[in-house]
């Protein structure tokens, strides 16, 4: 079984019910709805198609709402695009004009206050590079260092400059309210700078009466500077290599990726690696050798989830892309993965809670006894996430009677979500879980199963048992 999960972005290439079913069948575990694009009606339609496809296939599928965030953009340009030549002068202005090759507007009114002479301004993910010569009122006078075609509404980045723009916009708040009503499983918060950005979203959700996990996207250098507090405040983080590569020197991306993943692993937090993982497959039906190695290295770094963006949103080969990623992940885990390395709970023996202590034992038992399955009943997904953070070689079958938890479990490393009716007797739960795994062919009667149970849903009492499946059934008769 593949442990590392796959998060795929929906778009024009995969918006149909048929394509969504094919994505799930190919190995997708979670779906990303990118709110930088599409209307609420479009997102509602594809959301319903995902839920319908998941039910049809008998699968849990996590849905991640990715907020646009306060991206700084150009305004409108005459004829939609103009050419700016290297060596020419160009003014970026906050005045509401129609752009020309000499003067282009921006939607961000505070940009003249954020930049100073000598700063670099990047347009369209760095395809156009400007150097600020001086700032006069609402106008930023620049020298074009790298020229080219500039189109309306393209993004602006100022590497190394600390922007005063808030992490959430009015659009984001409207989108979150929509997403909460829709029933998304996670929210990915864009352009996080510090922990208060995350805490502000959580407080806002609390006021709305519904809380779901927050994934902080690490995509600006300010976030790297405050990484420790951001990871602490978040339920998970995303290594957003696309914007990080624009905001900082490209040669630092491997370092940032490893640093973010390592810290998330150390703190037992979900971590997603994103951007250009199989970029060549947007137009080609097979990956490059470098992309294959990149995926393998991301897995070995410790990522929980690998994300596909344009590859599945608008690529020519979305299904083949998922199949390739799933195959690479499975092979890497089978041949290279260090399952014997200590996990989160094992490296924090000072944690005095009972659940982490039991999880440490599960990690050791998985290595020593090689059970066919780990079974756990979970109400919120917390215990399952703890077991996942230990990185056991054995698949984790997480049973729950809660629909929302069922879908959220789908994104956890090594976890196979299962639904089960509510049962308050822990002895009965052990039997039901074991029978379910025998009925679907996961276990035979002679196979070892490792079971972790709480007592009447209390975090103060837990028990662990490892036995042959038929013995669990017989003992509970």
Protein backbone atom coordinates (compact mmCIF):
# COMPACT_ATOMS: atom_id res chain seq x y z
CA UNK A 1 0.00 0.00 0.00
CA UNK A 2 1.14 3.55 -0.77
CA UNK A 3 1.53 5.66 2.38
CA UNK A 4 2.24 9.12 0.90
CA UNK A 5 -0.96 10.86 -0.21
CA UNK A 6 -1.76 12.71 -3.45
CA UNK A 7 -3.61 16.06 -3.56
CA UNK A 8 -4.86 17.02 -7.03
CA UNK A 9 -6.14 20.41 -8.19
CA UNK A 10 -9.35 20.50 -10.22
CA UNK A 11 -9.67 22.68 -13.29
CA UNK A 12 -10.94 22.66 -16.88
CA UNK A 13 -9.14 19.37 -17.60
CA UNK A 14 -10.73 17.51 -14.69
CA UNK A 15 -13.98 19.24 -13.78
CA UNK A 16 -16.33 16.60 -15.21
CA UNK A 17 -17.76 13.80 -13.06
CA UNK A 18 -16.09 11.24 -15.31
CA UNK A 19 -12.64 12.80 -14.93
CA UNK A 20 -13.05 13.17 -11.17
CA UNK A 21 -13.88 9.47 -10.88
CA UNK A 22 -10.82 8.63 -12.97
CA UNK A 23 -8.60 10.79 -10.76
CA UNK A 24 -9.79 8.99 -7.64
CA UNK A 25 -9.39 5.60 -9.26
CA UNK A 26 -5.85 6.52 -10.36
CA UNK A 27 -4.81 7.25 -6.78
CA UNK A 28 -5.91 10.75 -5.74
CA UNK A 29 -6.63 10.98 -2.01
CA UNK A 30 -7.60 14.65 -1.73
CA UNK A 31 -8.91 17.39 -4.02
CA UNK A 32 -7.78 21.03 -4.07
CA UNK A 33 -10.25 23.75 -5.00
CA UNK A 34 -8.19 26.77 -6.04
CA UNK A 35 -10.16 29.90 -5.14
CA UNK A 36 -7.81 32.09 -7.16
CA UNK A 37 -9.92 30.90 -10.08
CA UNK A 38 -13.55 30.00 -10.65
CA UNK A 39 -16.86 31.26 -9.35
CA UNK A 40 -18.70 30.02 -6.28
CA UNK A 41 -21.17 28.24 -8.56
CA UNK A 42 -18.31 26.38 -10.28
CA UNK A 43 -16.75 25.36 -6.97
CA UNK A 44 -20.10 24.18 -5.63
CA UNK A 45 -20.67 22.07 -8.72
CA UNK A 46 -17.28 20.34 -8.64
CA UNK A 47 -17.50 19.91 -4.85
CA UNK A 48 -20.75 18.00 -5.29
CA UNK A 49 -19.21 15.92 -8.07
CA UNK A 50 -16.28 14.97 -5.83
CA UNK A 51 -18.56 13.92 -2.98
CA UNK A 52 -20.73 11.94 -5.39
CA UNK A 53 -17.71 10.20 -6.98
CA UNK A 54 -16.26 9.36 -3.56
CA UNK A 55 -19.54 7.82 -2.44
CA UNK A 56 -19.85 5.87 -5.69
CA UNK A 57 -16.34 4.44 -5.27
CA UNK A 58 -16.73 3.89 -1.53
CA UNK A 59 -13.84 6.23 -0.81
CA UNK A 60 -13.01 8.94 1.68
CA UNK A 61 -11.73 12.06 -0.11
CA UNK A 62 -10.50 15.20 1.64
CA UNK A 63 -11.36 18.53 0.01
CA UNK A 64 -8.96 21.45 0.52
CA UNK A 65 -10.11 25.02 -0.07
CA UNK A 66 -7.07 27.04 -1.17
CA UNK A 67 -7.61 30.77 -0.63
CA UNK A 68 -6.30 33.31 -3.13
CA UNK A 69 -4.83 35.58 -0.49
CA UNK A 70 -3.62 39.15 -0.92
CA UNK A 71 -1.69 38.68 -4.11
CA UNK A 72 -0.40 41.98 -5.49
CA UNK A 73 -1.43 42.36 -9.11
CA UNK A 74 -1.17 44.73 -12.03
CA UNK A 75 -4.26 46.58 -13.20
CA UNK A 76 -5.73 46.64 -16.70
CA UNK A 77 -3.51 47.22 -19.73
CA UNK A 78 -4.50 48.59 -23.12
CA UNK A 79 -5.21 45.70 -25.48
CA UNK A 80 -4.68 43.34 -22.50
CA UNK A 81 -0.87 43.24 -22.95
CA UNK A 82 2.09 45.39 -23.93
CA UNK A 83 5.79 44.81 -24.43
CA UNK A 84 8.33 46.40 -22.11
CA UNK A 85 11.90 46.44 -23.40
CA UNK A 86 15.03 45.73 -21.39
CA UNK A 87 16.82 49.00 -20.56
CA UNK A 88 13.63 51.06 -20.81
CA UNK A 89 11.99 53.05 -18.01
CA UNK A 90 8.68 51.90 -16.59
CA UNK A 91 6.42 53.51 -13.99
CA UNK A 92 4.24 51.42 -11.69
CA UNK A 93 1.42 53.64 -10.43
CA UNK A 94 -1.50 53.27 -8.03
CA UNK A 95 -3.57 55.66 -10.16
CA UNK A 96 -6.58 53.99 -11.86
CA UNK A 97 -5.29 54.31 -15.42
CA UNK A 98 -5.16 51.95 -18.37
CA UNK A 99 -1.63 50.61 -18.69
CA UNK A 100 0.84 51.29 -21.48
CA UNK A 101 4.45 50.28 -22.15
CA UNK A 102 5.54 53.34 -20.16
CA UNK A 103 3.13 53.31 -17.21
CA UNK A 104 1.25 50.36 -15.68
CA UNK A 105 -1.21 50.49 -12.76
CA UNK A 106 -1.30 48.23 -9.70
CA UNK A 107 -4.28 47.31 -7.52
CA UNK A 108 -2.21 47.52 -4.32
CA UNK A 109 -2.35 51.10 -3.05
CA UNK A 110 0.44 50.70 -0.46
CA UNK A 111 3.07 49.45 -2.90
CA UNK A 112 4.90 52.84 -3.07
CA UNK A 113 5.27 52.70 0.72
CA UNK A 114 6.60 49.14 0.73
CA UNK A 115 9.45 49.60 -1.77
CA UNK A 116 12.56 51.78 -1.87
CA UNK A 117 15.29 52.53 -4.40
CA UNK A 118 17.31 49.41 -5.22
CA UNK A 119 14.49 46.94 -4.58
CA UNK A 120 13.65 44.35 -7.21
CA UNK A 121 10.10 44.01 -8.56
CA UNK A 122 9.17 40.79 -10.34
CA UNK A 123 6.14 40.52 -12.63
CA UNK A 124 4.47 37.33 -13.85
CA UNK A 125 6.46 34.92 -11.64
CA UNK A 126 9.74 36.65 -12.44
CA UNK A 127 9.44 36.67 -16.21
CA UNK A 128 9.72 40.46 -16.07
CA UNK A 129 12.34 41.96 -13.72
CA UNK A 130 12.47 45.61 -12.67
CA UNK A 131 14.79 47.59 -10.42
CA UNK A 132 13.29 50.47 -8.42
CA UNK A 133 15.16 53.73 -9.12
CA UNK A 134 13.03 56.04 -6.98
CA UNK A 135 9.54 56.53 -5.56
CA UNK A 136 7.61 59.75 -6.15
CA UNK A 137 4.25 59.88 -4.39
CA UNK A 138 2.02 57.23 -5.93
CA UNK A 139 4.53 56.37 -8.66
CA UNK A 140 7.40 53.87 -8.62
CA UNK A 141 10.01 54.66 -11.25
CA UNK A 142 11.77 51.52 -12.45
CA UNK A 143 14.43 50.31 -14.86
CA UNK A 144 13.45 47.25 -16.90
CA UNK A 145 16.21 44.68 -16.37
CA UNK A 146 14.48 41.74 -18.08
CA UNK A 147 11.78 42.70 -20.56
CA UNK A 148 8.98 40.92 -22.38
CA UNK A 149 5.23 40.92 -22.76
CA UNK A 150 3.21 42.13 -19.77
CA UNK A 151 -0.48 41.23 -19.49
CA UNK A 152 -3.32 42.62 -17.39
CA UNK A 153 -3.76 41.31 -13.83
CA UNK A 154 -0.40 39.55 -13.65
CA UNK A 155 1.09 39.05 -10.20
CA UNK A 156 3.77 41.25 -8.62
CA UNK A 157 6.43 40.02 -6.20
CA UNK A 158 8.96 42.08 -4.25
CA UNK A 159 11.61 39.61 -2.99
CA UNK A 160 12.82 40.27 0.54
CA UNK A 161 10.47 43.19 1.16
CA UNK A 162 8.08 42.92 4.10
CA UNK A 163 4.65 43.85 2.82
CA UNK A 164 2.04 45.52 5.03
CA UNK A 165 -0.81 43.84 3.19
CA UNK A 166 -3.00 41.66 5.48
CA UNK A 167 -3.02 37.88 4.96
CA UNK A 168 -6.79 37.75 4.40
CA UNK A 169 -8.80 39.91 2.04
CA UNK A 170 -12.53 40.57 1.90
CA UNK A 171 -12.67 38.04 -0.94
CA UNK A 172 -10.99 35.43 1.25
CA UNK A 173 -13.51 35.97 4.05
CA UNK A 174 -16.41 35.58 1.63
CA UNK A 175 -14.76 32.46 0.21
CA UNK A 176 -14.20 30.94 3.67
CA UNK A 177 -17.82 31.56 4.63
CA UNK A 178 -18.85 29.86 1.39
CA UNK A 179 -16.45 26.97 1.99
CA UNK A 180 -17.63 26.39 5.55
CA UNK A 181 -21.24 26.24 4.38
CA UNK A 182 -20.24 23.92 1.54
CA UNK A 183 -18.42 21.52 3.86
CA UNK A 184 -14.75 21.65 2.82
CA UNK A 185 -12.38 19.66 5.03
CA UNK A 186 -9.33 21.96 5.18
CA UNK A 187 -8.55 25.60 4.47
CA UNK A 188 -5.18 26.53 2.97
CA UNK A 189 -4.25 30.08 4.01
CA UNK A 190 -2.09 31.96 1.51
CA UNK A 191 0.83 34.33 2.16
CA UNK A 192 1.07 33.63 5.89
CA UNK A 193 3.68 35.89 7.51
CA UNK A 194 3.34 35.10 11.23
CA UNK A 195 1.29 33.04 13.68
CA UNK A 196 -1.33 35.81 14.24
CA UNK A 197 -2.39 35.40 10.59
CA UNK A 198 -3.38 31.81 11.35
CA UNK A 199 -4.90 32.64 14.72
CA UNK A 200 -6.93 35.43 13.13
CA UNK A 201 -8.53 33.01 10.67
CA UNK A 202 -9.23 30.52 13.45
CA UNK A 203 -10.87 33.21 15.61
CA UNK A 204 -12.95 34.34 12.64
CA UNK A 205 -14.15 30.78 12.03
CA UNK A 206 -14.96 30.42 15.72
CA UNK A 207 -17.22 33.46 15.45
CA UNK A 208 -18.95 31.80 12.49
CA UNK A 209 -19.59 28.71 14.59
CA UNK A 210 -17.60 26.18 12.58
CA UNK A 211 -13.96 25.18 12.88
CA UNK A 212 -11.91 23.18 10.38
CA UNK A 213 -8.14 22.57 10.18
CA UNK A 214 -5.90 25.29 8.72
CA UNK A 215 -2.96 24.60 6.42
CA UNK A 216 -0.51 27.50 6.26
CA UNK A 217 1.14 28.03 2.89
CA UNK A 218 4.83 28.86 3.32
CA UNK A 219 5.50 31.00 0.24
CA UNK A 220 7.25 34.20 1.38
CA UNK A 221 10.55 34.82 3.16
CA UNK A 222 8.75 36.40 6.13
CA UNK A 223 7.16 33.01 6.78
CA UNK A 224 10.58 31.33 6.77
CA UNK A 225 11.78 33.84 9.37
CA UNK A 226 8.83 32.97 11.64
CA UNK A 227 8.47 29.33 10.65
CA UNK A 228 8.53 27.87 14.17
CA UNK A 229 5.57 29.93 15.41
CA UNK A 230 3.61 29.38 12.19
CA UNK A 231 3.97 25.59 12.39
CA UNK A 232 2.91 25.69 16.05
CA UNK A 233 -0.21 27.73 15.20
CA UNK A 234 -1.21 25.61 12.19
CA UNK A 235 -2.77 22.20 11.72
CA UNK A 236 -0.52 21.69 8.72
CA UNK A 237 1.80 23.53 6.35
CA UNK A 238 2.42 23.60 2.62
CA UNK A 239 5.83 23.94 1.00
CA UNK A 240 4.65 26.35 -1.74
CA UNK A 241 7.73 26.12 -3.91
CA UNK A 242 6.27 28.24 -6.72
CA UNK A 243 5.97 31.51 -4.86
CA UNK A 244 8.97 30.71 -2.66
CA UNK A 245 11.02 30.45 -5.84
CA UNK A 246 9.94 33.94 -6.84
CA UNK A 247 10.28 35.48 -3.39
CA UNK A 248 13.76 34.10 -2.76
CA UNK A 249 16.81 32.80 -4.58
CA UNK A 250 16.00 29.58 -6.45
CA UNK A 251 19.04 27.79 -5.08
CA UNK A 252 17.57 28.09 -1.57
CA UNK A 253 14.41 26.10 -2.42
CA UNK A 254 15.89 22.66 -1.51
CA UNK A 255 17.03 24.05 1.85
CA UNK A 256 13.65 25.64 2.56
CA UNK A 257 11.81 22.46 1.58
CA UNK A 258 13.86 20.27 3.89
CA UNK A 259 13.67 22.81 6.73
CA UNK A 260 9.87 23.13 6.52
CA UNK A 261 9.27 19.38 6.26
CA UNK A 262 11.69 18.59 9.07
CA UNK A 263 10.09 21.11 11.43
CA UNK A 264 6.57 19.90 10.58
CA UNK A 265 7.64 16.29 11.22
CA UNK A 266 9.25 17.29 14.53
CA UNK A 267 6.02 18.95 15.66
CA UNK A 268 3.74 16.19 14.36
CA UNK A 269 2.03 18.47 11.82
CA UNK A 270 0.72 17.60 8.36
CA UNK A 271 3.01 18.78 5.53
CA UNK A 272 2.25 19.13 1.82
CA UNK A 273 4.89 19.60 -0.88
CA UNK A 274 3.64 21.55 -3.88
CA UNK A 275 4.42 23.06 -7.28
CA UNK A 276 6.02 21.68 -10.45
CA UNK A 277 6.33 18.12 -9.19
CA UNK A 278 5.38 16.77 -12.61
CA UNK A 279 5.28 20.03 -14.56
CA UNK A 280 6.47 18.47 -17.82
CA UNK A 281 3.39 16.24 -17.87
CA UNK A 282 1.17 19.24 -18.52
CA UNK A 283 2.16 18.69 -22.15
CA UNK A 284 4.00 15.32 -22.16
CA UNK A 285 2.73 11.84 -21.31
CA UNK A 286 5.80 10.88 -19.28
CA UNK A 287 7.87 12.66 -16.60
CA UNK A 288 11.49 13.73 -16.69
CA UNK A 289 14.08 11.81 -14.70
CA UNK A 290 14.61 14.92 -12.58
CA UNK A 291 10.91 15.03 -11.67
CA UNK A 292 10.93 11.37 -10.66
CA UNK A 293 13.91 12.05 -8.40
CA UNK A 294 12.25 15.18 -6.98
CA UNK A 295 9.16 13.20 -5.97
CA UNK A 296 11.27 10.48 -4.38
CA UNK A 297 13.35 13.02 -2.46
CA UNK A 298 10.23 14.81 -1.21
CA UNK A 299 8.97 11.51 0.18
CA UNK A 300 12.32 10.76 1.78
CA UNK A 301 12.37 14.29 3.24
CA UNK A 302 9.22 13.30 5.14
CA UNK A 303 6.31 14.89 3.28
CA UNK A 304 2.83 13.56 4.02
CA UNK A 305 1.22 14.75 0.80
CA UNK A 306 2.35 15.60 -2.73
CA UNK A 307 0.32 18.18 -4.62
CA UNK A 308 -0.44 18.45 -8.33
CA UNK A 309 -1.46 21.88 -9.66
CA UNK A 310 -1.52 22.67 -13.38
CA UNK A 311 -0.75 19.04 -14.14
CA UNK A 312 -4.31 18.01 -13.23
CA UNK A 313 -6.10 21.36 -13.52
CA UNK A 314 -5.27 22.07 -17.15
CA UNK A 315 -2.78 19.43 -18.33
CA UNK A 316 -3.22 17.12 -21.30
CA UNK A 317 -2.52 13.97 -19.27
CA UNK A 318 -4.07 14.41 -15.79
CA UNK A 319 -4.89 10.75 -15.17
CA UNK A 320 -1.50 9.49 -16.37
CA UNK A 321 0.15 12.12 -14.16
CA UNK A 322 -1.57 10.78 -11.05
CA UNK A 323 -0.73 7.20 -12.01
CA UNK A 324 2.94 8.13 -12.45
CA UNK A 325 3.07 9.92 -9.10
CA UNK A 326 1.41 7.00 -7.33
CA UNK A 327 3.84 4.52 -8.89
CA UNK A 328 6.91 6.60 -8.02
CA UNK A 329 5.70 6.99 -4.43
CA UNK A 330 4.96 3.29 -3.98
CA UNK A 331 8.35 2.28 -5.38
CA UNK A 332 10.21 4.83 -3.26
CA UNK A 333 8.46 3.64 -0.10
CA UNK A 334 9.14 0.00 -0.91
CA UNK A 335 12.84 0.43 -1.75
CA UNK A 336 14.14 3.45 0.15
CA UNK A 337 11.84 4.62 2.93
CA UNK A 338 13.45 4.62 6.44
CA UNK A 339 10.58 3.09 8.43
CA UNK A 340 12.97 2.36 11.30
CA UNK A 341 13.67 6.06 11.89
CA UNK A 342 12.10 7.46 15.08
CA UNK A 343 8.87 9.38 14.52
CA UNK A 344 7.26 12.34 16.25
CA UNK A 345 6.11 10.55 19.41
CA UNK A 346 9.35 8.55 19.68
CA UNK A 347 11.44 11.71 19.57
CA UNK A 348 9.29 13.39 22.25
CA UNK A 349 9.30 10.92 25.17
CA UNK A 350 8.74 13.88 27.51
CA UNK A 351 5.13 14.11 26.31
CA UNK A 352 3.20 12.86 29.34
CA UNK A 353 -0.14 12.20 27.64
CA UNK A 354 -1.17 8.57 27.39
CA UNK A 355 -1.99 8.51 23.66
CA UNK A 356 1.52 9.50 22.45
CA UNK A 357 3.02 6.88 24.79
CA UNK A 358 0.81 4.20 23.31
CA UNK A 359 1.64 5.37 19.80
CA UNK A 360 5.36 4.98 20.52
CA UNK A 361 4.69 1.35 21.39
CA UNK A 362 2.71 0.91 18.17
CA UNK A 363 5.64 2.16 16.13
CA UNK A 364 7.98 -0.34 17.83
CA UNK A 365 5.49 -3.20 17.51
CA UNK A 366 4.95 -2.49 13.83
CA UNK A 367 8.67 -2.91 13.17
CA UNK A 368 9.17 -5.96 15.38
CA UNK A 369 6.03 -8.01 14.69
CA UNK A 370 5.07 -6.78 11.20
CA UNK A 371 1.28 -6.96 11.74
CA UNK A 372 -0.86 -6.93 8.60
CA UNK A 373 -2.93 -4.00 9.87
CA UNK A 374 -3.11 -1.35 12.58
CA UNK A 375 -6.71 -0.62 13.55
CA UNK A 376 -7.82 2.39 15.57
CA UNK A 377 -11.17 3.93 16.37
CA UNK A 378 -11.06 7.75 16.27
CA UNK A 379 -13.67 10.44 16.83
CA UNK A 380 -11.65 13.46 15.66
CA UNK A 381 -8.72 11.89 13.80
CA UNK A 382 -6.22 12.93 16.48
CA UNK A 383 -5.10 9.44 17.45
CA UNK A 384 -4.83 8.36 13.81
CA UNK A 385 -2.67 11.40 13.07
CA UNK A 386 -0.40 10.52 15.99
CA UNK A 387 0.07 7.00 14.67
CA UNK A 388 0.75 8.37 11.18
CA UNK A 389 3.42 10.67 12.59
CA UNK A 390 5.32 7.57 13.79
CA UNK A 391 5.57 6.44 10.13
CA UNK A 392 4.85 2.73 10.74
CA UNK A 393 5.41 0.33 7.86
CA UNK A 394 2.00 -1.22 8.58
CA UNK A 395 -1.11 0.39 7.04
CA UNK A 396 -3.26 2.29 9.54
CA UNK A 397 -6.98 1.55 9.25
CA UNK A 398 -8.75 4.40 11.03
CA UNK A 399 -12.40 3.71 11.85
CA UNK A 400 -14.80 6.52 12.71
CA UNK A 401 -18.52 7.15 12.96
CA UNK A 402 -18.12 10.85 12.08
CA UNK A 403 -18.55 11.82 8.42
CA UNK A 404 -16.29 14.88 8.52
CA UNK A 405 -13.52 12.97 10.30
CA UNK A 406 -13.88 10.16 7.74
CA UNK A 407 -12.99 12.48 4.87
CA UNK A 408 -10.23 14.36 6.74
CA UNK A 409 -8.49 11.07 7.49
CA UNK A 410 -7.93 10.56 3.76
CA UNK A 411 -5.04 13.03 3.65
CA UNK A 412 -3.07 11.50 6.54
CA UNK A 413 0.09 9.55 5.72
CA UNK A 414 -0.47 5.80 5.72
CA UNK A 415 -4.09 6.05 6.88
CA UNK A 416 -6.97 4.15 5.25
CA UNK A 417 -10.27 5.65 6.46
CA UNK A 418 -13.16 3.34 7.32
CA UNK A 419 -16.70 4.17 8.47
CA UNK A 420 -18.26 2.24 11.34
CA UNK A 421 -21.53 2.64 13.28
CA UNK A 422 -21.29 4.30 16.67
CA UNK A 423 -20.35 1.75 19.31
CA UNK A 424 -19.60 2.77 22.89
CA UNK A 425 -18.29 -0.60 24.07
CA UNK A 426 -14.57 -0.82 23.26
CA UNK A 427 -14.64 -4.62 23.19
CA UNK A 428 -17.35 -4.53 20.54
CA UNK A 429 -15.41 -1.97 18.50
CA UNK A 430 -12.34 -4.26 18.38
CA UNK A 431 -14.44 -7.10 17.03
CA UNK A 432 -16.24 -4.89 14.50
CA UNK A 433 -12.99 -3.44 13.14
CA UNK A 434 -11.38 -6.86 12.83
CA UNK A 435 -14.42 -8.37 11.13
CA UNK A 436 -14.60 -5.47 8.68
CA UNK A 437 -10.95 -5.98 7.66
CA UNK A 438 -11.53 -9.73 7.24
CA UNK A 439 -14.66 -9.22 5.17
CA UNK A 440 -12.96 -6.86 2.69
CA UNK A 441 -10.00 -9.21 2.27
CA UNK A 442 -7.44 -7.08 4.11
CA UNK A 443 -6.94 -9.76 6.76
CA UNK A 444 -7.10 -13.52 6.95
CA UNK A 445 -7.75 -15.29 10.23
CA UNK A 446 -4.04 -16.03 10.78
CA UNK A 447 -2.85 -12.46 10.15
CA UNK A 448 -1.68 -10.30 13.02
CA UNK A 449 -3.66 -7.15 13.77
CA UNK A 450 -2.58 -4.39 16.14
CA UNK A 451 -5.51 -2.62 17.79
CA UNK A 452 -5.45 0.66 19.74
CA UNK A 453 -8.55 1.55 21.71
CA UNK A 454 -9.62 4.31 24.02
CA UNK A 455 -11.96 3.63 26.89
CA UNK A 456 -15.45 5.02 26.31
CA UNK A 457 -13.93 7.81 24.20
CA UNK A 458 -11.79 9.01 27.08
CA UNK A 459 -8.26 10.24 26.39
CA UNK A 460 -7.27 9.17 29.92
CA UNK A 461 -7.44 5.44 29.28
CA UNK A 462 -6.16 3.45 26.30
CA UNK A 463 -5.28 -0.14 25.53
CA UNK A 464 -3.23 -1.83 22.83
CA UNK A 465 -3.52 -5.41 21.66
CA UNK A 466 -1.69 -7.43 19.03
CA UNK A 467 -3.16 -10.80 18.10
CA UNK A 468 -4.22 -12.98 15.20
CA UNK A 469 -7.47 -11.80 13.67
CA UNK A 470 -9.42 -14.98 14.44
CA UNK A 471 -8.34 -14.75 18.09
CA UNK A 472 -9.77 -11.24 18.37
CA UNK A 473 -13.08 -12.49 16.98
CA UNK A 474 -13.19 -15.59 19.19
CA UNK A 475 -12.27 -13.71 22.37
CA UNK A 476 -15.14 -11.26 21.78
CA UNK A 477 -17.80 -13.93 21.26
